[in-house]
Amino acid sequence: IASLWLFLMAAMTLVAYLSHKGVIDGIVNALLPERMSERKLMLLTG
């Protein structure tokens, strides 16, 4: 349990920082086109 807790804490903190700083938002803007069908997004997500 402790190993999973500490791992989760570290991973979630790193992702929280990158999300707050707009890094993930910037990646989304760079990779995804302005228009895309919901079906295509489903396949790309998988």
ModelCIF file with pLDDT and N, C-alpha, C, O atoms, coordinates in Angstrom:
data_MODEL
#
_entry.id   MODEL 
#
_entity.id                         1 
_entity.type                       polymer 
_entity.pdbx_number_of_molecules   1 
#
_entity_poly.entity_id                      1 
_entity_poly.type                           'polypeptide(L)' 
_entity_poly.nstd_linkage                   no 
_entity_poly.nstd_monomer                   no 
_entity_poly.pdbx_seq_one_letter_code       IASLWLFLMAAMTLVAYLSHKGVIDGIVNALLPERMSERKLMLLTG 
_entity_poly.pdbx_seq_one_letter_code_can   IASLWLFLMAAMTLVAYLSHKGVIDGIVNALLPERMSERKLMLLTG 
_entity_poly.pdbx_strand_id                 A 
#
loop_
_entity_poly_seq.entity_id 
_entity_poly_seq.num 
_entity_poly_seq.mon_id 
_entity_poly_seq.hetero 
1 1  ILE n 
1 2  ALA n 
1 3  SER n 
1 4  LEU n 
1 5  TRP n 
1 6  LEU n 
1 7  PHE n 
1 8  LEU n 
1 9  MET n 
1 10 ALA n 
1 11 ALA n 
1 12 MET n 
1 13 THR n 
1 14 LEU n 
1 15 VAL n 
1 16 ALA n 
1 17 TYR n 
1 18 LEU n 
1 19 SER n 
1 20 HIS n 
1 21 LYS n 
1 22 GLY n 
1 23 VAL n 
1 24 ILE n 
1 25 ASP n 
1 26 GLY n 
1 27 ILE n 
1 28 VAL n 
1 29 ASN n 
1 30 ALA n 
1 31 LEU n 
1 32 LEU n 
1 33 PRO n 
1 34 GLU n 
1 35 ARG n 
1 36 MET n 
1 37 SER n 
1 38 GLU n 
1 39 ARG n 
1 40 LYS n 
1 41 LEU n 
1 42 MET n 
1 43 LEU n 
1 44 LEU n 
1 45 THR n 
1 46 GLY n 
#
_struct_asym.id          A 
_struct_asym.entity_id   1 
#
loop_
_ma_qa_metric.id 
_ma_qa_metric.mode 
_ma_qa_metric.name 
_ma_qa_metric.software_group_id 
_ma_qa_metric.type 
1 global pLDDT . pLDDT 
2 local  pLDDT . pLDDT 
#
_ma_qa_metric_global.metric_id      1 
_ma_qa_metric_global.metric_value   80.33 
_ma_qa_metric_global.model_id       1 
_ma_qa_metric_global.ordinal_id     1 
#
loop_
_ma_qa_metric_local.label_asym_id 
_ma_qa_metric_local.label_comp_id 
_ma_qa_metric_local.label_seq_id 
_ma_qa_metric_local.metric_id 
_ma_qa_metric_local.metric_value 
_ma_qa_metric_local.model_id 
_ma_qa_metric_local.ordinal_id 
A ILE 1  2 81.00 1 1  
A ALA 2  2 85.00 1 2  
A SER 3  2 83.00 1 3  
A LEU 4  2 76.00 1 4  
A TRP 5  2 82.00 1 5  
A LEU 6  2 86.00 1 6  
A PHE 7  2 81.00 1 7  
A LEU 8  2 78.00 1 8  
A MET 9  2 85.00 1 9  
A ALA 10 2 86.00 1 10 
A ALA 11 2 82.00 1 11 
A MET 12 2 80.00 1 12 
A THR 13 2 86.00 1 13 
A LEU 14 2 85.00 1 14 
A VAL 15 2 80.00 1 15 
A ALA 16 2 80.00 1 16 
A TYR 17 2 85.00 1 17 
A LEU 18 2 82.00 1 18 
A SER 19 2 78.00 1 19 
A HIS 20 2 80.00 1 20 
A LYS 21 2 83.00 1 21 
A GLY 22 2 77.00 1 22 
A VAL 23 2 79.00 1 23 
A ILE 24 2 71.00 1 24 
A ASP 25 2 71.00 1 25 
A GLY 26 2 75.00 1 26 
A ILE 27 2 72.00 1 27 
A VAL 28 2 68.00 1 28 
A ASN 29 2 70.00 1 29 
A ALA 30 2 72.00 1 30 
A LEU 31 2 71.00 1 31 
A LEU 32 2 70.00 1 32 
A PRO 33 2 72.00 1 33 
A GLU 34 2 71.00 1 34 
A ARG 35 2 77.00 1 35 
A MET 36 2 79.00 1 36 
A SER 37 2 83.00 1 37 
A GLU 38 2 84.00 1 38 
A ARG 39 2 87.00 1 39 
A LYS 40 2 87.00 1 40 
A LEU 41 2 87.00 1 41 
A MET 42 2 90.00 1 42 
A LEU 43 2 89.00 1 43 
A LEU 44 2 89.00 1 44 
A THR 45 2 89.00 1 45 
A GLY 46 2 91.00 1 46 
#
loop_
_atom_site.group_PDB 
_atom_site.id 
_atom_site.type_symbol 
_atom_site.label_atom_id 
_atom_site.label_alt_id 
_atom_site.label_comp_id 
_atom_site.label_asym_id 
_atom_site.label_entity_id 
_atom_site.label_seq_id 
_atom_site.pdbx_PDB_ins_code 
_atom_site.Cartn_x 
_atom_site.Cartn_y 
_atom_site.Cartn_z 
_atom_site.occupancy 
_atom_site.B_iso_or_equiv 
_atom_site.pdbx_formal_charge 
_atom_site.auth_seq_id 
_atom_site.auth_comp_id 
_atom_site.auth_asym_id 
_atom_site.auth_atom_id 
_atom_site.pdbx_PDB_model_num 
ATOM 1   N N  . ILE A 1 1  ? 0.831   -1.204 0.000   1.00 81.00 ? 1  ILE A N  1 
ATOM 2   C CA . ILE A 1 1  ? 0.000   0.000  0.000   1.00 81.00 ? 1  ILE A CA 1 
ATOM 3   C C  . ILE A 1 1  ? 0.867   1.256  0.000   1.00 81.00 ? 1  ILE A C  1 
ATOM 4   O O  . ILE A 1 1  ? 0.604   2.204  -0.740  1.00 81.00 ? 1  ILE A O  1 
ATOM 5   N N  . ALA A 1 2  ? 1.914   1.252  0.845   1.00 85.00 ? 2  ALA A N  1 
ATOM 6   C CA . ALA A 1 2  ? 2.791   2.425  0.931   1.00 85.00 ? 2  ALA A CA 1 
ATOM 7   C C  . ALA A 1 2  ? 3.482   2.694  -0.395  1.00 85.00 ? 2  ALA A C  1 
ATOM 8   O O  . ALA A 1 2  ? 3.616   3.847  -0.806  1.00 85.00 ? 2  ALA A O  1 
ATOM 9   N N  . SER A 1 3  ? 3.922   1.629  -1.068  1.00 83.00 ? 3  SER A N  1 
ATOM 10  C CA . SER A 1 3  ? 4.582   1.798  -2.364  1.00 83.00 ? 3  SER A CA 1 
ATOM 11  C C  . SER A 1 3  ? 3.633   2.441  -3.370  1.00 83.00 ? 3  SER A C  1 
ATOM 12  O O  . SER A 1 3  ? 4.022   3.342  -4.114  1.00 83.00 ? 3  SER A O  1 
ATOM 13  N N  . LEU A 1 4  ? 2.378   1.969  -3.390  1.00 76.00 ? 4  LEU A N  1 
ATOM 14  C CA . LEU A 1 4  ? 1.395   2.530  -4.322  1.00 76.00 ? 4  LEU A CA 1 
ATOM 15  C C  . LEU A 1 4  ? 1.039   3.963  -3.946  1.00 76.00 ? 4  LEU A C  1 
ATOM 16  O O  . LEU A 1 4  ? 0.906   4.820  -4.820  1.00 76.00 ? 4  LEU A O  1 
ATOM 17  N N  . TRP A 1 5  ? 0.886   4.224  -2.667  1.00 82.00 ? 5  TRP A N  1 
ATOM 18  C CA . TRP A 1 5  ? 0.574   5.577  -2.189  1.00 82.00 ? 5  TRP A CA 1 
ATOM 19  C C  . TRP A 1 5  ? 1.633   6.575  -2.638  1.00 82.00 ? 5  TRP A C  1 
ATOM 20  O O  . TRP A 1 5  ? 1.323   7.613  -3.222  1.00 82.00 ? 5  TRP A O  1 
ATOM 21  N N  . LEU A 1 6  ? 2.889   6.241  -2.352  1.00 86.00 ? 6  LEU A N  1 
ATOM 22  C CA . LEU A 1 6  ? 3.981   7.163  -2.664  1.00 86.00 ? 6  LEU A CA 1 
ATOM 23  C C  . LEU A 1 6  ? 4.128   7.347  -4.175  1.00 86.00 ? 6  LEU A C  1 
ATOM 24  O O  . LEU A 1 6  ? 4.397   8.449  -4.654  1.00 86.00 ? 6  LEU A O  1 
ATOM 25  N N  . PHE A 1 7  ? 3.947   6.257  -4.912  1.00 81.00 ? 7  PHE A N  1 
ATOM 26  C CA . PHE A 1 7  ? 4.021   6.356  -6.367  1.00 81.00 ? 7  PHE A CA 1 
ATOM 27  C C  . PHE A 1 7  ? 2.915   7.270  -6.889  1.00 81.00 ? 7  PHE A C  1 
ATOM 28  O O  . PHE A 1 7  ? 3.169   8.153  -7.708  1.00 81.00 ? 7  PHE A O  1 
ATOM 29  N N  . LEU A 1 8  ? 1.696   7.056  -6.417  1.00 78.00 ? 8  LEU A N  1 
ATOM 30  C CA . LEU A 1 8  ? 0.568   7.886  -6.830  1.00 78.00 ? 8  LEU A CA 1 
ATOM 31  C C  . LEU A 1 8  ? 0.805   9.351  -6.479  1.00 78.00 ? 8  LEU A C  1 
ATOM 32  O O  . LEU A 1 8  ? 0.548   10.243 -7.287  1.00 78.00 ? 8  LEU A O  1 
ATOM 33  N N  . MET A 1 9  ? 1.294   9.584  -5.273  1.00 85.00 ? 9  MET A N  1 
ATOM 34  C CA . MET A 1 9  ? 1.541   10.953 -4.822  1.00 85.00 ? 9  MET A CA 1 
ATOM 35  C C  . MET A 1 9  ? 2.532   11.658 -5.742  1.00 85.00 ? 9  MET A C  1 
ATOM 36  O O  . MET A 1 9  ? 2.320   12.808 -6.129  1.00 85.00 ? 9  MET A O  1 
ATOM 37  N N  . ALA A 1 10 ? 3.624   10.959 -6.094  1.00 86.00 ? 10 ALA A N  1 
ATOM 38  C CA . ALA A 1 10 ? 4.636   11.553 -6.963  1.00 86.00 ? 10 ALA A CA 1 
ATOM 39  C C  . ALA A 1 10 ? 4.088   11.807 -8.364  1.00 86.00 ? 10 ALA A C  1 
ATOM 40  O O  . ALA A 1 10 ? 4.262   12.895 -8.914  1.00 86.00 ? 10 ALA A O  1 
ATOM 41  N N  . ALA A 1 11 ? 3.425   10.802 -8.942  1.00 82.00 ? 11 ALA A N  1 
ATOM 42  C CA . ALA A 1 11 ? 2.902   10.931 -10.306 1.00 82.00 ? 11 ALA A CA 1 
ATOM 43  C C  . ALA A 1 11 ? 1.828   12.016 -10.388 1.00 82.00 ? 11 ALA A C  1 
ATOM 44  O O  . ALA A 1 11 ? 1.831   12.825 -11.316 1.00 82.00 ? 11 ALA A O  1 
ATOM 45  N N  . MET A 1 12 ? 0.913   12.032 -9.422  1.00 80.00 ? 12 MET A N  1 
ATOM 46  C CA . MET A 1 12 ? -0.179  13.002 -9.447  1.00 80.00 ? 12 MET A CA 1 
ATOM 47  C C  . MET A 1 12 ? 0.335   14.423 -9.231  1.00 80.00 ? 12 MET A C  1 
ATOM 48  O O  . MET A 1 12 ? -0.208  15.371 -9.797  1.00 80.00 ? 12 MET A O  1 
ATOM 49  N N  . THR A 1 13 ? 1.371   14.574 -8.424  1.00 86.00 ? 13 THR A N  1 
ATOM 50  C CA . THR A 1 13 ? 1.939   15.909 -8.198  1.00 86.00 ? 13 THR A CA 1 
ATOM 51  C C  . THR A 1 13 ? 2.608   16.436 -9.460  1.00 86.00 ? 13 THR A C  1 
ATOM 52  O O  . THR A 1 13 ? 2.442   17.607 -9.805  1.00 86.00 ? 13 THR A O  1 
ATOM 53  N N  . LEU A 1 14 ? 3.360   15.585 -10.153 1.00 85.00 ? 14 LEU A N  1 
ATOM 54  C CA . LEU A 1 14 ? 4.003   15.992 -11.401 1.00 85.00 ? 14 LEU A CA 1 
ATOM 55  C C  . LEU A 1 14 ? 2.967   16.387 -12.457 1.00 85.00 ? 14 LEU A C  1 
ATOM 56  O O  . LEU A 1 14 ? 3.112   17.408 -13.129 1.00 85.00 ? 14 LEU A O  1 
ATOM 57  N N  . VAL A 1 15 ? 1.917   15.563 -12.596 1.00 80.00 ? 15 VAL A N  1 
ATOM 58  C CA . VAL A 1 15 ? 0.871   15.865 -13.575 1.00 80.00 ? 15 VAL A CA 1 
ATOM 59  C C  . VAL A 1 15 ? 0.120   17.143 -13.183 1.00 80.00 ? 15 VAL A C  1 
ATOM 60  O O  . VAL A 1 15 ? -0.232  17.943 -14.050 1.00 80.00 ? 15 VAL A O  1 
ATOM 61  N N  . ALA A 1 16 ? -0.127  17.338 -11.877 1.00 80.00 ? 16 ALA A N  1 
ATOM 62  C CA . ALA A 1 16 ? -0.817  18.552 -11.416 1.00 80.00 ? 16 ALA A CA 1 
ATOM 63  C C  . ALA A 1 16 ? -0.002  19.799 -11.753 1.00 80.00 ? 16 ALA A C  1 
ATOM 64  O O  . ALA A 1 16 ? -0.572  20.818 -12.145 1.00 80.00 ? 16 ALA A O  1 
ATOM 65  N N  . TYR A 1 17 ? 1.307   19.734 -11.608 1.00 85.00 ? 17 TYR A N  1 
ATOM 66  C CA . TYR A 1 17 ? 2.171   20.878 -11.935 1.00 85.00 ? 17 TYR A CA 1 
ATOM 67  C C  . TYR A 1 17 ? 2.110   21.189 -13.431 1.00 85.00 ? 17 TYR A C  1 
ATOM 68  O O  . TYR A 1 17 ? 1.912   22.336 -13.830 1.00 85.00 ? 17 TYR A O  1 
ATOM 69  N N  . LEU A 1 18 ? 2.283   20.147 -14.253 1.00 82.00 ? 18 LEU A N  1 
ATOM 70  C CA . LEU A 1 18 ? 2.287   20.351 -15.705 1.00 82.00 ? 18 LEU A CA 1 
ATOM 71  C C  . LEU A 1 18 ? 0.936   20.860 -16.201 1.00 82.00 ? 18 LEU A C  1 
ATOM 72  O O  . LEU A 1 18 ? 0.874   21.688 -17.110 1.00 82.00 ? 18 LEU A O  1 
ATOM 73  N N  . SER A 1 19 ? -0.142  20.362 -15.601 1.00 78.00 ? 19 SER A N  1 
ATOM 74  C CA . SER A 1 19 ? -1.481  20.815 -15.999 1.00 78.00 ? 19 SER A CA 1 
ATOM 75  C C  . SER A 1 19 ? -1.692  22.270 -15.602 1.00 78.00 ? 19 SER A C  1 
ATOM 76  O O  . SER A 1 19 ? -2.234  23.050 -16.385 1.00 78.00 ? 19 SER A O  1 
ATOM 77  N N  . HIS A 1 20 ? -1.272  22.644 -14.396 1.00 80.00 ? 20 HIS A N  1 
ATOM 78  C CA . HIS A 1 20 ? -1.463  24.014 -13.912 1.00 80.00 ? 20 HIS A CA 1 
ATOM 79  C C  . HIS A 1 20 ? -0.647  25.004 -14.744 1.00 80.00 ? 20 HIS A C  1 
ATOM 80  O O  . HIS A 1 20 ? -1.080  26.137 -14.952 1.00 80.00 ? 20 HIS A O  1 
ATOM 81  N N  . LYS A 1 21 ? 0.518   24.591 -15.216 1.00 83.00 ? 21 LYS A N  1 
ATOM 82  C CA . LYS A 1 21 ? 1.385   25.473 -15.982 1.00 83.00 ? 21 LYS A CA 1 
ATOM 83  C C  . LYS A 1 21 ? 1.005   25.526 -17.463 1.00 83.00 ? 21 LYS A C  1 
ATOM 84  O O  . LYS A 1 21 ? 1.639   26.244 -18.237 1.00 83.00 ? 21 LYS A O  1 
ATOM 85  N N  . GLY A 1 22 ? -0.023  24.772 -17.863 1.00 77.00 ? 22 GLY A N  1 
ATOM 86  C CA . GLY A 1 22 ? -0.486  24.828 -19.238 1.00 77.00 ? 22 GLY A CA 1 
ATOM 87  C C  . GLY A 1 22 ? 0.299   23.976 -20.208 1.00 77.00 ? 22 GLY A C  1 
ATOM 88  O O  . GLY A 1 22 ? 0.127   24.098 -21.421 1.00 77.00 ? 22 GLY A O  1 
ATOM 89  N N  . VAL A 1 23 ? 1.168   23.104 -19.689 1.00 79.00 ? 23 VAL A N  1 
ATOM 90  C CA . VAL A 1 23 ? 1.972   22.265 -20.579 1.00 79.00 ? 23 VAL A CA 1 
ATOM 91  C C  . VAL A 1 23 ? 1.085   21.269 -21.318 1.00 79.00 ? 23 VAL A C  1 
ATOM 92  O O  . VAL A 1 23 ? 1.211   21.096 -22.530 1.00 79.00 ? 23 VAL A O  1 
ATOM 93  N N  . ILE A 1 24 ? 0.189   20.615 -20.581 1.00 71.00 ? 24 ILE A N  1 
ATOM 94  C CA . ILE A 1 24 ? -0.697  19.630 -21.211 1.00 71.00 ? 24 ILE A CA 1 
ATOM 95  C C  . ILE A 1 24 ? -1.637  20.313 -22.187 1.00 71.00 ? 24 ILE A C  1 
ATOM 96  O O  . ILE A 1 24 ? -1.907  19.784 -23.265 1.00 71.00 ? 24 ILE A O  1 
ATOM 97  N N  . ASP A 1 25 ? -2.141  21.491 -21.815 1.00 71.00 ? 25 ASP A N  1 
ATOM 98  C CA . ASP A 1 25 ? -3.014  22.250 -22.723 1.00 71.00 ? 25 ASP A CA 1 
ATOM 99  C C  . ASP A 1 25 ? -2.261  22.621 -23.990 1.00 71.00 ? 25 ASP A C  1 
ATOM 100 O O  . ASP A 1 25 ? -2.826  22.602 -25.083 1.00 71.00 ? 25 ASP A O  1 
ATOM 101 N N  . GLY A 1 26 ? -0.994  22.957 -23.842 1.00 75.00 ? 26 GLY A N  1 
ATOM 102 C CA . GLY A 1 26 ? -0.187  23.301 -25.008 1.00 75.00 ? 26 GLY A CA 1 
ATOM 103 C C  . GLY A 1 26 ? 0.037   22.112 -25.919 1.00 75.00 ? 26 GLY A C  1 
ATOM 104 O O  . GLY A 1 26 ? 0.050   22.257 -27.142 1.00 75.00 ? 26 GLY A O  1 
ATOM 105 N N  . ILE A 1 27 ? 0.214   20.927 -25.330 1.00 72.00 ? 27 ILE A N  1 
ATOM 106 C CA . ILE A 1 27 ? 0.389   19.715 -26.132 1.00 72.00 ? 27 ILE A CA 1 
ATOM 107 C C  . ILE A 1 27 ? -0.883  19.415 -26.924 1.00 72.00 ? 27 ILE A C  1 
ATOM 108 O O  . ILE A 1 27 ? -0.822  19.039 -28.095 1.00 72.00 ? 27 ILE A O  1 
ATOM 109 N N  . VAL A 1 28 ? -2.039  19.584 -26.272 1.00 68.00 ? 28 VAL A N  1 
ATOM 110 C CA . VAL A 1 28 ? -3.319  19.349 -26.946 1.00 68.00 ? 28 VAL A CA 1 
ATOM 111 C C  . VAL A 1 28 ? -3.471  20.308 -28.128 1.00 68.00 ? 28 VAL A C  1 
ATOM 112 O O  . VAL A 1 28 ? -3.869  19.898 -29.218 1.00 68.00 ? 28 VAL A O  1 
ATOM 113 N N  . ASN A 1 29 ? -3.153  21.580 -27.906 1.00 70.00 ? 29 ASN A N  1 
ATOM 114 C CA . ASN A 1 29 ? -3.270  22.568 -28.986 1.00 70.00 ? 29 ASN A CA 1 
ATOM 115 C C  . ASN A 1 29 ? -2.338  22.256 -30.140 1.00 70.00 ? 29 ASN A C  1 
ATOM 116 O O  . ASN A 1 29 ? -2.670  22.503 -31.299 1.00 70.00 ? 29 ASN A O  1 
ATOM 117 N N  . ALA A 1 30 ? -1.167  21.711 -29.822 1.00 72.00 ? 30 ALA A N  1 
ATOM 118 C CA . ALA A 1 30 ? -0.175  21.452 -30.865 1.00 72.00 ? 30 ALA A CA 1 
ATOM 119 C C  . ALA A 1 30 ? -0.506  20.201 -31.669 1.00 72.00 ? 30 ALA A C  1 
ATOM 120 O O  . ALA A 1 30 ? -0.274  20.161 -32.878 1.00 72.00 ? 30 ALA A O  1 
ATOM 121 N N  . LEU A 1 31 ? -1.042  19.190 -31.013 1.00 71.00 ? 31 LEU A N  1 
ATOM 122 C CA . LEU A 1 31 ? -1.231  17.896 -31.674 1.00 71.00 ? 31 LEU A CA 1 
ATOM 123 C C  . LEU A 1 31 ? -2.578  17.758 -32.376 1.00 71.00 ? 31 LEU A C  1 
ATOM 124 O O  . LEU A 1 31 ? -2.662  17.163 -33.450 1.00 71.00 ? 31 LEU A O  1 
ATOM 125 N N  . LEU A 1 32 ? -3.626  18.304 -31.774 1.00 70.00 ? 32 LEU A N  1 
ATOM 126 C CA . LEU A 1 32 ? -4.967  18.092 -32.328 1.00 70.00 ? 32 LEU A CA 1 
ATOM 127 C C  . LEU A 1 32 ? -5.326  19.173 -33.337 1.00 70.00 ? 32 LEU A C  1 
ATOM 128 O O  . LEU A 1 32 ? -4.999  20.343 -33.135 1.00 70.00 ? 32 LEU A O  1 
ATOM 129 N N  . PRO A 1 33 ? -5.992  18.794 -34.417 1.00 72.00 ? 33 PRO A N  1 
ATOM 130 C CA . PRO A 1 33 ? -6.426  19.790 -35.411 1.00 72.00 ? 33 PRO A CA 1 
ATOM 131 C C  . PRO A 1 33 ? -7.582  20.623 -34.876 1.00 72.00 ? 33 PRO A C  1 
ATOM 132 O O  . PRO A 1 33 ? -8.164  20.300 -33.840 1.00 72.00 ? 33 PRO A O  1 
ATOM 133 N N  . GLU A 1 34 ? -7.912  21.703 -35.593 1.00 71.00 ? 34 GLU A N  1 
ATOM 134 C CA . GLU A 1 34 ? -8.995  22.572 -35.144 1.00 71.00 ? 34 GLU A CA 1 
ATOM 135 C C  . GLU A 1 34 ? -10.347 21.881 -35.230 1.00 71.00 ? 34 GLU A C  1 
ATOM 136 O O  . GLU A 1 34 ? -11.231 22.136 -34.411 1.00 71.00 ? 34 GLU A O  1 
ATOM 137 N N  . ARG A 1 35 ? -10.512 21.009 -36.214 1.00 77.00 ? 35 ARG A N  1 
ATOM 138 C CA . ARG A 1 35 ? -11.770 20.277 -36.371 1.00 77.00 ? 35 ARG A CA 1 
ATOM 139 C C  . ARG A 1 35 ? -11.464 18.783 -36.470 1.00 77.00 ? 35 ARG A C  1 
ATOM 140 O O  . ARG A 1 35 ? -10.519 18.364 -37.137 1.00 77.00 ? 35 ARG A O  1 
ATOM 141 N N  . MET A 1 36 ? -12.288 18.001 -35.791 1.00 79.00 ? 36 MET A N  1 
ATOM 142 C CA . MET A 1 36 ? -12.096 16.557 -35.810 1.00 79.00 ? 36 MET A CA 1 
ATOM 143 C C  . MET A 1 36 ? -13.402 15.895 -35.404 1.00 79.00 ? 36 MET A C  1 
ATOM 144 O O  . MET A 1 36 ? -14.101 16.378 -34.514 1.00 79.00 ? 36 MET A O  1 
ATOM 145 N N  . SER A 1 37 ? -13.728 14.792 -36.058 1.00 83.00 ? 37 SER A N  1 
ATOM 146 C CA . SER A 1 37 ? -14.956 14.085 -35.717 1.00 83.00 ? 37 SER A CA 1 
ATOM 147 C C  . SER A 1 37 ? -14.793 13.367 -34.381 1.00 83.00 ? 37 SER A C  1 
ATOM 148 O O  . SER A 1 37 ? -13.683 13.011 -33.984 1.00 83.00 ? 37 SER A O  1 
ATOM 149 N N  . GLU A 1 38 ? -15.908 13.164 -33.700 1.00 84.00 ? 38 GLU A N  1 
ATOM 150 C CA . GLU A 1 38 ? -15.871 12.468 -32.412 1.00 84.00 ? 38 GLU A CA 1 
ATOM 151 C C  . GLU A 1 38 ? -15.413 11.025 -32.573 1.00 84.00 ? 38 GLU A C  1 
ATOM 152 O O  . GLU A 1 38 ? -14.770 10.474 -31.679 1.00 84.00 ? 38 GLU A O  1 
ATOM 153 N N  . ARG A 1 39 ? -15.739 10.414 -33.700 1.00 87.00 ? 39 ARG A N  1 
ATOM 154 C CA . ARG A 1 39 ? -15.297 9.039  -33.956 1.00 87.00 ? 39 ARG A CA 1 
ATOM 155 C C  . ARG A 1 39 ? -13.775 8.972  -34.113 1.00 87.00 ? 39 ARG A C  1 
ATOM 156 O O  . ARG A 1 39 ? -13.129 8.058  -33.602 1.00 87.00 ? 39 ARG A O  1 
ATOM 157 N N  . LYS A 1 40 ? -13.219 9.943  -34.820 1.00 87.00 ? 40 LYS A N  1 
ATOM 158 C CA . LYS A 1 40 ? -11.770 9.960  -35.001 1.00 87.00 ? 40 LYS A CA 1 
ATOM 159 C C  . LYS A 1 40 ? -11.069 10.196 -33.672 1.00 87.00 ? 40 LYS A C  1 
ATOM 160 O O  . LYS A 1 40 ? -10.030 9.595  -33.400 1.00 87.00 ? 40 LYS A O  1 
ATOM 161 N N  . LEU A 1 41 ? -11.635 11.068 -32.843 1.00 87.00 ? 41 LEU A N  1 
ATOM 162 C CA . LEU A 1 41 ? -11.060 11.312 -31.521 1.00 87.00 ? 41 LEU A CA 1 
ATOM 163 C C  . LEU A 1 41 ? -11.086 10.048 -30.676 1.00 87.00 ? 41 LEU A C  1 
ATOM 164 O O  . LEU A 1 41 ? -10.164 9.795  -29.901 1.00 87.00 ? 41 LEU A O  1 
ATOM 165 N N  . MET A 1 42 ? -12.149 9.249  -30.826 1.00 90.00 ? 42 MET A N  1 
ATOM 166 C CA . MET A 1 42 ? -12.248 8.002  -30.066 1.00 90.00 ? 42 MET A CA 1 
ATOM 167 C C  . MET A 1 42 ? -11.109 7.054  -30.433 1.00 90.00 ? 42 MET A C  1 
ATOM 168 O O  . MET A 1 42 ? -10.471 6.470  -29.557 1.00 90.00 ? 42 MET A O  1 
ATOM 169 N N  . LEU A 1 43 ? -10.863 6.909  -31.722 1.00 89.00 ? 43 LEU A N  1 
ATOM 170 C CA . LEU A 1 43 ? -9.801  6.007  -32.161 1.00 89.00 ? 43 LEU A CA 1 
ATOM 171 C C  . LEU A 1 43 ? -8.427  6.533  -31.750 1.00 89.00 ? 43 LEU A C  1 
ATOM 172 O O  . LEU A 1 43 ? -7.567  5.761  -31.327 1.00 89.00 ? 43 LEU A O  1 
ATOM 173 N N  . LEU A 1 44 ? -8.220  7.846  -31.875 1.00 89.00 ? 44 LEU A N  1 
ATOM 174 C CA . LEU A 1 44 ? -6.937  8.426  -31.479 1.00 89.00 ? 44 LEU A CA 1 
ATOM 175 C C  . LEU A 1 44 ? -6.709  8.310  -29.977 1.00 89.00 ? 44 LEU A C  1 
ATOM 176 O O  . LEU A 1 44 ? -5.579  8.108  -29.531 1.00 89.00 ? 44 LEU A O  1 
ATOM 177 N N  . THR A 1 45 ? -7.783  8.437  -29.196 1.00 89.00 ? 45 THR A N  1 
ATOM 178 C CA . THR A 1 45 ? -7.666  8.294  -27.740 1.00 89.00 ? 45 THR A CA 1 
ATOM 179 C C  . THR A 1 45 ? -7.211  6.890  -27.367 1.00 89.00 ? 45 THR A C  1 
ATOM 180 O O  . THR A 1 45 ? -6.316  6.712  -26.541 1.00 89.00 ? 45 THR A O  1 
ATOM 181 N N  . GLY A 1 46 ? -7.845  5.890  -27.990 1.00 91.00 ? 46 GLY A N  1 
ATOM 182 C CA . GLY A 1 46 ? -7.458  4.508  -27.718 1.00 91.00 ? 46 GLY A CA 1 
ATOM 183 C C  . GLY A 1 46 ? -6.027  4.231  -28.128 1.00 91.00 ? 46 GLY A C  1 
ATOM 184 O O  . GLY A 1 46 ? -5.544  3.111  -27.966 1.00 91.00 ? 46 GLY A O  1 
#
